[in-house]
C-alpha atoms as a PDB file:
ATOM      1  CA  MET A   1      -0.005   0.147  -0.147  1.00  0.00           C
ATOM      2  CA  ALA A   2       1.447   3.403  -0.848  1.00  0.00           C
ATOM      3  CA  ARG A   3       2.148   5.816   1.861  1.00  0.00           C
ATOM      4  CA  ARG A   4      -0.022   8.782   1.925  1.00  0.00           C
ATOM      5  CA  LEU A   5       2.690  11.263   1.634  1.00  0.00           C
ATOM      6  CA  GLU A   6       4.982   9.773  -0.630  1.00  0.00           C
ATOM      7  CA  GLY A   7       7.060  12.137  -2.594  1.00  0.00           C
ATOM      8  CA  LYS A   8       6.011  15.184  -0.838  1.00  0.00           C
ATOM      9  CA  TYR A   9       8.309  17.869   1.075  1.00  0.00           C
ATOM     10  CA  ALA A  10       6.662  18.913   4.339  1.00  0.00           C
ATOM     11  CA  LEU A  11       7.796  21.574   6.645  1.00  0.00           C
ATOM     12  CA  VAL A  12       6.642  21.584  10.306  1.00  0.00           C
ATOM     13  CA  THR A  13       7.629  24.752  12.492  1.00  0.00           C
ATOM     14  CA  GLY A  14       7.853  24.452  16.067  1.00  0.00           C
ATOM     15  CA  ALA A  15       8.421  20.638  15.895  1.00  0.00           C
ATOM     16  CA  THR A  16      10.758  19.934  19.001  1.00  0.00           C
ATOM     17  CA  GLU A  17       7.883  18.543  21.124  1.00  0.00           C
ATOM     18  CA  GLY A  18       4.329  17.805  21.618  1.00  0.00           C
ATOM     19  CA  ILE A  19       2.025  18.164  18.611  1.00  0.00           C
ATOM     20  CA  GLY A  20       4.726  19.340  16.127  1.00  0.00           C
ATOM     21  CA  LEU A  21       7.196  16.672  16.908  1.00  0.00           C
ATOM     22  CA  GLU A  22       4.451  13.885  16.766  1.00  0.00           C
ATOM     23  CA  THR A  23       3.323  15.474  13.140  1.00  0.00           C
ATOM     24  CA  ALA A  24       6.866  15.462  11.874  1.00  0.00           C
ATOM     25  CA  ARG A  25       6.912  11.691  13.061  1.00  0.00           C
ATOM     26  CA  GLN A  26       3.778  10.851  11.394  1.00  0.00           C
ATOM     27  CA  PHE A  27       4.702  12.693   8.147  1.00  0.00           C
ATOM     28  CA  LEU A  28       8.123  10.499   8.043  1.00  0.00           C
ATOM     29  CA  ALA A  29       5.994   7.551   8.351  1.00  0.00           C
ATOM     30  CA  GLU A  30       3.585   8.326   5.646  1.00  0.00           C
ATOM     31  CA  GLY A  31       6.727   8.711   3.297  1.00  0.00           C
ATOM     32  CA  ALA A  32       7.217  12.714   3.394  1.00  0.00           C
ATOM     33  CA  THR A  33      10.853  14.528   3.240  1.00  0.00           C
ATOM     34  CA  VAL A  34      10.425  16.521   6.177  1.00  0.00           C
ATOM     35  CA  ALA A  35      11.886  19.797   7.681  1.00  0.00           C
ATOM     36  CA  ILE A  36      11.403  20.962  11.065  1.00  0.00           C
ATOM     37  CA  THR A  37      12.262  24.380  12.756  1.00  0.00           C
ATOM     38  CA  ALA A  38      12.615  25.538  16.527  1.00  0.00           C
ATOM     39  CA  ARG A  39      14.337  28.400  18.171  1.00  0.00           C
ATOM     40  CA  SER A  40      16.368  26.068  20.491  1.00  0.00           C
ATOM     41  CA  GLU A  41      19.521  24.293  18.982  1.00  0.00           C
ATOM     42  CA  ALA A  42      19.262  21.782  21.754  1.00  0.00           C
ATOM     43  CA  GLY A  43      15.588  21.087  21.011  1.00  0.00           C
ATOM     44  CA  LEU A  44      16.432  20.632  17.335  1.00  0.00           C
ATOM     45  CA  GLU A  45      19.401  18.116  18.287  1.00  0.00           C
ATOM     46  CA  ALA A  46      16.875  15.996  20.569  1.00  0.00           C
ATOM     47  CA  ALA A  47      14.250  16.187  17.822  1.00  0.00           C
ATOM     48  CA  ALA A  48      16.938  14.745  15.289  1.00  0.00           C
ATOM     49  CA  ARG A  49      17.572  12.025  17.434  1.00  0.00           C
ATOM     50  CA  ALA A  50      14.109  11.033  17.814  1.00  0.00           C
ATOM     51  CA  LEU A  51      13.186  11.499  14.105  1.00  0.00           C
ATOM     52  CA  GLY A  52      16.391  10.214  12.561  1.00  0.00           C
ATOM     53  CA  ARG A  53      19.086  11.571  10.338  1.00  0.00           C
ATOM     54  CA  ASP A  54      16.818  12.283   7.324  1.00  0.00           C
ATOM     55  CA  VAL A  55      15.160  15.244   8.871  1.00  0.00           C
ATOM     56  CA  LEU A  56      16.334  18.611   7.960  1.00  0.00           C
ATOM     57  CA  CYS A  57      16.617  20.660  11.149  1.00  0.00           C
ATOM     58  CA  ILE A  58      16.558  24.650  10.781  1.00  0.00           C
ATOM     59  CA  ARG A  59      17.031  26.783  13.693  1.00  0.00           C
ATOM     60  CA  SER A  60      14.469  29.456  13.250  1.00  0.00           C
ATOM     61  CA  ASP A  61      12.766  31.877  15.616  1.00  0.00           C
ATOM     62  CA  ALA A  62       8.992  32.052  14.251  1.00  0.00           C
ATOM     63  CA  GLY A  63       8.611  35.529  15.689  1.00  0.00           C
ATOM     64  CA  ASP A  64      11.600  37.122  13.738  1.00  0.00           C
ATOM     65  CA  LEU A  65      10.813  38.437  10.294  1.00  0.00           C
ATOM     66  CA  PRO A  66      14.367  37.978   8.686  1.00  0.00           C
ATOM     67  CA  ALA A  67      14.282  34.551  10.027  1.00  0.00           C
ATOM     68  CA  GLN A  68      11.137  33.746   7.960  1.00  0.00           C
ATOM     69  CA  ARG A  69      12.990  34.818   4.792  1.00  0.00           C
ATOM     70  CA  ALA A  70      16.053  33.061   5.627  1.00  0.00           C
ATOM     71  CA  LEU A  71      13.990  29.663   6.292  1.00  0.00           C
ATOM     72  CA  ALA A  72      12.247  29.982   3.024  1.00  0.00           C
ATOM     73  CA  ALA A  73      15.499  30.630   1.240  1.00  0.00           C
ATOM     74  CA  GLU A  74      17.301  27.558   2.904  1.00  0.00           C
ATOM     75  CA  LEU A  75      14.213  25.267   1.901  1.00  0.00           C
ATOM     76  CA  ALA A  76      14.608  26.481  -1.587  1.00  0.00           C
ATOM     77  CA  ALA A  77      18.393  25.553  -1.516  1.00  0.00           C
ATOM     78  CA  HIS A  78      17.700  21.964  -0.382  1.00  0.00           C
ATOM     79  CA  TRP A  79      14.284  21.133  -2.023  1.00  0.00           C
ATOM     80  CA  PRO A  80      12.882  21.461  -5.570  1.00  0.00           C
ATOM     81  CA  ARG A  81       9.454  22.629  -4.090  1.00  0.00           C
ATOM     82  CA  LEU A  82       7.353  22.707  -0.890  1.00  0.00           C
ATOM     83  CA  ASP A  83       4.250  20.540  -0.900  1.00  0.00           C
ATOM     84  CA  VAL A  84       3.018  20.794   2.738  1.00  0.00           C
ATOM     85  CA  ALA A  85       3.518  23.560   5.092  1.00  0.00           C
ATOM     86  CA  TYR A  86       2.198  22.921   8.954  1.00  0.00           C
ATOM     87  CA  LEU A  87       2.814  26.136  10.651  1.00  0.00           C
ATOM     88  CA  ASN A  88       2.655  24.937  14.236  1.00  0.00           C
ATOM     89  CA  ALA A  89       5.085  27.247  16.254  1.00  0.00           C
ATOM     90  CA  ALA A  90       3.321  29.232  18.930  1.00  0.00           C
ATOM     91  CA  ASP A  91       3.738  31.309  22.189  1.00  0.00           C
ATOM     92  CA  VAL A  92       1.147  29.839  24.351  1.00  0.00           C
ATOM     93  CA  THR A  93       1.390  32.479  27.002  1.00  0.00           C
ATOM     94  CA  HIS A  94      -1.831  32.989  29.294  1.00  0.00           C
ATOM     95  CA  ARG A  95      -2.286  35.533  31.832  1.00  0.00           C
ATOM     96  CA  PRO A  96      -4.871  38.018  33.095  1.00  0.00           C
ATOM     97  CA  LEU A  97      -5.499  41.157  30.957  1.00  0.00           C
ATOM     98  CA  GLN A  98      -3.968  43.385  33.614  1.00  0.00           C
ATOM     99  CA  ASP A  99      -0.742  41.499  33.819  1.00  0.00           C
ATOM    100  CA  TRP A 100       0.053  42.035  29.994  1.00  0.00           C
ATOM    101  CA  ASP A 101       2.606  44.780  28.732  1.00  0.00           C
ATOM    102  CA  GLU A 102       3.204  45.797  25.237  1.00  0.00           C
ATOM    103  CA  ALA A 103       6.492  43.933  24.896  1.00  0.00           C
ATOM    104  CA  ALA A 104       4.927  40.493  25.956  1.00  0.00           C
ATOM    105  CA  PHE A 105       2.009  41.238  23.797  1.00  0.00           C
ATOM    106  CA  ASP A 106       4.143  42.144  20.782  1.00  0.00           C
ATOM    107  CA  ARG A 107       6.293  39.018  21.345  1.00  0.00           C
ATOM    108  CA  LEU A 108       2.982  36.708  21.395  1.00  0.00           C
ATOM    109  CA  MET A 109       1.577  38.300  18.038  1.00  0.00           C
ATOM    110  CA  ALA A 110       4.942  38.230  16.276  1.00  0.00           C
ATOM    111  CA  THR A 111       5.218  34.430  16.927  1.00  0.00           C
ATOM    112  CA  ASN A 112       1.643  33.531  16.407  1.00  0.00           C
ATOM    113  CA  LEU A 113       0.557  35.807  13.742  1.00  0.00           C
ATOM    114  CA  LYS A 114       2.925  38.427  12.059  1.00  0.00           C
ATOM    115  CA  GLY A 115       5.672  35.629  11.642  1.00  0.00           C
ATOM    116  CA  PRO A 116       3.624  33.047  10.195  1.00  0.00           C
ATOM    117  CA  PHE A 117       1.976  35.870   7.789  1.00  0.00           C
ATOM    118  CA  PHE A 118       5.309  36.709   6.439  1.00  0.00           C
ATOM    119  CA  LEU A 119       6.797  33.248   6.328  1.00  0.00           C
ATOM    120  CA  LEU A 120       3.756  32.533   4.240  1.00  0.00           C
ATOM    121  CA  GLN A 121       4.686  35.380   1.912  1.00  0.00           C
ATOM    122  CA  SER A 122       8.494  33.922   1.602  1.00  0.00           C
ATOM    123  CA  LEU A 123       7.355  30.429   1.158  1.00  0.00           C
ATOM    124  CA  LEU A 124       4.818  31.316  -1.719  1.00  0.00           C
ATOM    125  CA  PRO A 125       7.291  30.925  -4.684  1.00  0.00           C
ATOM    126  CA  LEU A 126       8.262  27.572  -3.351  1.00  0.00           C
ATOM    127  CA  LEU A 127       4.679  26.116  -2.835  1.00  0.00           C
ATOM    128  CA  ALA A 128       3.776  23.556  -5.472  1.00  0.00           C
ATOM    129  CA  ASP A 129       0.508  23.476  -7.371  1.00  0.00           C
ATOM    130  CA  ARG A 130      -1.467  21.072  -5.392  1.00  0.00           C
ATOM    131  CA  SER A 131       0.104  21.688  -2.162  1.00  0.00           C
ATOM    132  CA  SER A 132      -1.302  22.051   1.409  1.00  0.00           C
ATOM    133  CA  VAL A 133      -1.083  24.786   3.935  1.00  0.00           C
ATOM    134  CA  ILE A 134      -2.122  24.020   7.441  1.00  0.00           C
ATOM    135  CA  LEU A 135      -2.146  26.765  10.004  1.00  0.00           C
ATOM    136  CA  CYS A 136      -2.368  25.550  13.438  1.00  0.00           C
ATOM    137  CA  GLY A 137      -5.421  27.443  15.327  1.00  0.00           C
ATOM    138  CA  SER A 138      -6.943  26.656  18.581  1.00  0.00           C
ATOM    139  CA  VAL A 139     -10.190  25.891  20.243  1.00  0.00           C
ATOM    140  CA  SER A 140      -9.592  29.080  22.326  1.00  0.00           C
ATOM    141  CA  ALA A 141     -10.550  31.179  19.151  1.00  0.00           C
ATOM    142  CA  HIS A 142     -14.087  29.958  19.845  1.00  0.00           C
ATOM    143  CA  ILE A 143     -14.600  30.129  23.592  1.00  0.00           C
ATOM    144  CA  GLY A 144     -14.084  32.537  26.373  1.00  0.00           C
ATOM    145  CA  LEU A 145     -11.438  30.924  28.093  1.00  0.00           C
ATOM    146  CA  PRO A 146     -10.126  33.106  31.066  1.00  0.00           C
ATOM    147  CA  GLN A 147      -6.375  34.518  30.722  1.00  0.00           C
ATOM    148  CA  SER A 148      -6.543  33.427  27.098  1.00  0.00           C
ATOM    149  CA  SER A 149      -7.122  36.871  25.629  1.00  0.00           C
ATOM    150  CA  ALA A 150      -4.057  37.637  23.686  1.00  0.00           C
ATOM    151  CA  TYR A 151      -3.528  33.907  22.652  1.00  0.00           C
ATOM    152  CA  ALA A 152      -7.159  33.352  21.436  1.00  0.00           C
ATOM    153  CA  ALA A 153      -6.917  36.686  19.442  1.00  0.00           C
ATOM    154  CA  SER A 154      -3.784  35.580  17.810  1.00  0.00           C
ATOM    155  CA  LYS A 155      -5.285  32.206  16.762  1.00  0.00           C
ATOM    156  CA  SER A 156      -8.436  33.723  15.733  1.00  0.00           C
ATOM    157  CA  GLY A 157      -6.289  36.096  13.328  1.00  0.00           C
ATOM    158  CA  LEU A 158      -4.477  32.945  11.964  1.00  0.00           C
ATOM    159  CA  LEU A 159      -7.580  31.122  11.297  1.00  0.00           C
ATOM    160  CA  SER A 160      -8.934  34.168   9.382  1.00  0.00           C
ATOM    161  CA  LEU A 161      -5.842  34.137   7.377  1.00  0.00           C
ATOM    162  CA  ALA A 162      -6.489  30.450   6.338  1.00  0.00           C
ATOM    163  CA  ARG A 163      -9.705  31.599   4.702  1.00  0.00           C
ATOM    164  CA  THR A 164      -8.490  34.607   3.168  1.00  0.00           C
ATOM    165  CA  LEU A 165      -5.518  33.003   1.696  1.00  0.00           C
ATOM    166  CA  SER A 166      -7.633  30.130   0.440  1.00  0.00           C
ATOM    167  CA  GLY A 167      -9.533  32.570  -1.772  1.00  0.00           C
ATOM    168  CA  GLU A 168      -6.410  34.368  -2.802  1.00  0.00           C
ATOM    169  CA  TRP A 169      -4.409  31.204  -3.641  1.00  0.00           C
ATOM    170  CA  LEU A 170      -7.018  29.014  -5.159  1.00  0.00           C
ATOM    171  CA  GLY A 171      -6.059  29.505  -8.676  1.00  0.00           C
ATOM    172  CA  ARG A 172      -2.329  28.732  -7.783  1.00  0.00           C
ATOM    173  CA  GLY A 173      -3.511  25.309  -6.656  1.00  0.00           C
ATOM    174  CA  ILE A 174      -2.679  26.067  -3.045  1.00  0.00           C
ATOM    175  CA  ARG A 175      -5.055  24.768  -0.413  1.00  0.00           C
ATOM    176  CA  VAL A 176      -5.190  26.525   3.073  1.00  0.00           C
ATOM    177  CA  ASN A 177      -6.798  25.175   6.086  1.00  0.00           C
ATOM    178  CA  GLY A 178      -6.974  25.674   9.910  1.00  0.00           C
ATOM    179  CA  LEU A 179      -6.240  22.616  12.289  1.00  0.00           C
ATOM    180  CA  SER A 180      -7.511  23.600  15.778  1.00  0.00           C
ATOM    181  CA  PRO A 181      -6.746  21.454  18.734  1.00  0.00           C
ATOM    182  CA  GLY A 182      -8.395  21.536  21.843  1.00  0.00           C
ATOM    183  CA  PRO A 183      -6.823  20.816  25.257  1.00  0.00           C
ATOM    184  CA  THR A 184      -3.936  18.308  24.599  1.00  0.00           C
ATOM    185  CA  GLN A 185      -1.638  16.461  26.667  1.00  0.00           C
ATOM    186  CA  THR A 186       1.846  18.168  26.155  1.00  0.00           C
ATOM    187  CA  SER A 187       4.364  20.051  27.959  1.00  0.00           C
ATOM    188  CA  ALA A 188       2.836  23.546  27.493  1.00  0.00           C
ATOM    189  CA  LEU A 189       0.965  23.666  30.972  1.00  0.00           C
ATOM    190  CA  ARG A 190       4.325  23.018  32.558  1.00  0.00           C
ATOM    191  CA  LYS A 191       5.734  26.146  30.955  1.00  0.00           C
ATOM    192  CA  LEU A 192       3.319  28.213  33.109  1.00  0.00           C
ATOM    193  CA  GLY A 193       5.736  27.498  36.100  1.00  0.00           C
ATOM    194  CA  LEU A 194       2.993  26.387  38.475  1.00  0.00           C
ATOM    195  CA  PRO A 195       3.598  24.432  41.511  1.00  0.00           C
ATOM    196  CA  GLU A 196       2.859  20.632  41.011  1.00  0.00           C
ATOM    197  CA  ARG A 197      -0.495  20.788  42.934  1.00  0.00           C
ATOM    198  CA  GLU A 198      -1.839  23.835  41.070  1.00  0.00           C
ATOM    199  CA  LEU A 199      -0.712  22.271  37.886  1.00  0.00           C
ATOM    200  CA  SER A 200      -2.581  19.053  38.782  1.00  0.00           C
ATOM    201  CA  ASP A 201      -5.708  21.212  39.760  1.00  0.00           C
ATOM    202  CA  LEU A 202      -5.416  22.996  36.527  1.00  0.00           C
ATOM    203  CA  ASN A 203      -5.270  19.875  34.253  1.00  0.00           C
ATOM    204  CA  GLN A 204      -8.447  18.740  36.075  1.00  0.00           C
ATOM    205  CA  GLU A 205     -10.283  21.931  35.378  1.00  0.00           C
ATOM    206  CA  ILE A 206      -9.269  21.563  31.684  1.00  0.00           C
ATOM    207  CA  ARG A 207     -10.570  17.956  31.570  1.00  0.00           C
ATOM    208  CA  GLU A 208     -13.912  19.245  32.985  1.00  0.00           C
ATOM    209  CA  LEU A 209     -14.153  21.687  30.016  1.00  0.00           C
ATOM    210  CA  VAL A 210     -13.894  18.617  27.759  1.00  0.00           C
ATOM    211  CA  PRO A 211     -17.190  16.888  26.760  1.00  0.00           C
ATOM    212  CA  LEU A 212     -15.176  13.558  26.413  1.00  0.00           C
ATOM    213  CA  LYS A 213     -13.609  14.325  29.718  1.00  0.00           C
ATOM    214  CA  ARG A 214     -10.052  13.693  28.787  1.00  0.00           C
ATOM    215  CA  LEU A 215      -7.268  15.696  27.248  1.00  0.00           C
ATOM    216  CA  GLY A 216      -6.421  14.915  23.518  1.00  0.00           C
ATOM    217  CA  THR A 217      -3.091  13.279  22.403  1.00  0.00           C
ATOM    218  CA  PRO A 218      -0.497  14.837  20.039  1.00  0.00           C
ATOM    219  CA  ILE A 219      -1.036  11.744  17.914  1.00  0.00           C
ATOM    220  CA  GLU A 220      -4.704  12.520  17.596  1.00  0.00           C
ATOM    221  CA  VAL A 221      -4.069  15.915  16.124  1.00  0.00           C
ATOM    222  CA  ALA A 222      -0.989  14.593  14.070  1.00  0.00           C
ATOM    223  CA  LYS A 223      -3.436  12.187  12.234  1.00  0.00           C
ATOM    224  CA  ALA A 224      -5.738  15.023  11.488  1.00  0.00           C
ATOM    225  CA  ALA A 225      -2.832  16.939   9.991  1.00  0.00           C
ATOM    226  CA  VAL A 226      -1.686  13.852   8.066  1.00  0.00           C
ATOM    227  CA  PHE A 227      -5.356  14.012   6.327  1.00  0.00           C
ATOM    228  CA  LEU A 228      -5.139  17.801   5.562  1.00  0.00           C
ATOM    229  CA  ALA A 229      -1.575  17.284   4.147  1.00  0.00           C
ATOM    230  CA  SER A 230      -2.508  14.313   1.925  1.00  0.00           C
ATOM    231  CA  ASP A 231      -4.491  14.171  -1.506  1.00  0.00           C
ATOM    232  CA  GLU A 232      -7.295  12.640   0.830  1.00  0.00           C
ATOM    233  CA  SER A 233      -8.421  16.072   1.650  1.00  0.00           C
ATOM    234  CA  SER A 234      -8.103  17.561  -1.896  1.00  0.00           C
ATOM    235  CA  PHE A 235     -11.822  18.688  -1.808  1.00  0.00           C
ATOM    236  CA  VAL A 236     -11.141  20.449   1.656  1.00  0.00           C
ATOM    237  CA  VAL A 237     -10.172  24.081   1.429  1.00  0.00           C
ATOM    238  CA  GLY A 238     -10.680  27.344   3.333  1.00  0.00           C
ATOM    239  CA  THR A 239     -12.044  25.601   6.604  1.00  0.00           C
ATOM    240  CA  GLU A 240     -11.138  24.495   9.963  1.00  0.00           C
ATOM    241  CA  LEU A 241     -10.730  21.201  11.398  1.00  0.00           C
ATOM    242  CA  LEU A 242     -11.557  21.000  15.116  1.00  0.00           C
ATOM    243  CA  VAL A 243      -9.858  18.034  17.001  1.00  0.00           C
ATOM    244  CA  ASP A 244     -11.086  19.340  20.356  1.00  0.00           C
ATOM    245  CA  GLY A 245     -13.148  16.660  22.106  1.00  0.00           C
ATOM    246  CA  GLY A 246     -16.305  18.662  21.343  1.00  0.00           C
ATOM    247  CA  VAL A 247     -15.319  21.746  23.357  1.00  0.00           C
ATOM    248  CA  ALA A 248     -16.302  24.350  20.766  1.00  0.00           C
ATOM    249  CA  ASN A 249     -19.545  22.642  19.865  1.00  0.00           C
ATOM    250  CA  LEU A 250     -21.136  20.838  22.853  1.00  0.00           C
END
């Protein structure tokens, strides 16, 4: 049986852990040639060990504009085209509105919206006819989750970009879709710096938000990304695939 991404060149940004790392692993398993990015050199080295030597690892800060142009240029130097771009890198900072300052807000928006916007601009000449662009949104764009104001706004903007670029690029054979995870079992919550007891309580609160009463897993989101990247989704364009355990709709 032919693998679903055989012969495709695929980029996954923010791919050293969690959903990004698992998506890169699933893309490789389905036959794709894969490049991954991250800000951390140590993270890239660990991901390369996990994924194997065939992965192209590129150090790149998703919120730095010159880095987006450099990333596109490096891909063009290695590959003849780009068939799949999964823009997954994100700043997941959550805090009460009164605790935000302009610098932190700008950093989050640069990583989650401005950087991806200009990365797509830079990748456009490389994107193949019949390529797939997947923008990682979030169920937070659909619900009023406390402390998610800046994060949810950035993801709402990214999902809007998926729709508008779908219309703009349709004639070039480029499909753009959003992929929005719900609460997923990753290390993201640990980055909040909470004591273990508070972290456990927060995890329980999040589970209670999910109609399925559990967190999702990275592989569940990654399998959805494989579908959007493959030719199986050739009639899917300009939409959002929610992998959220029913949070947004139930």
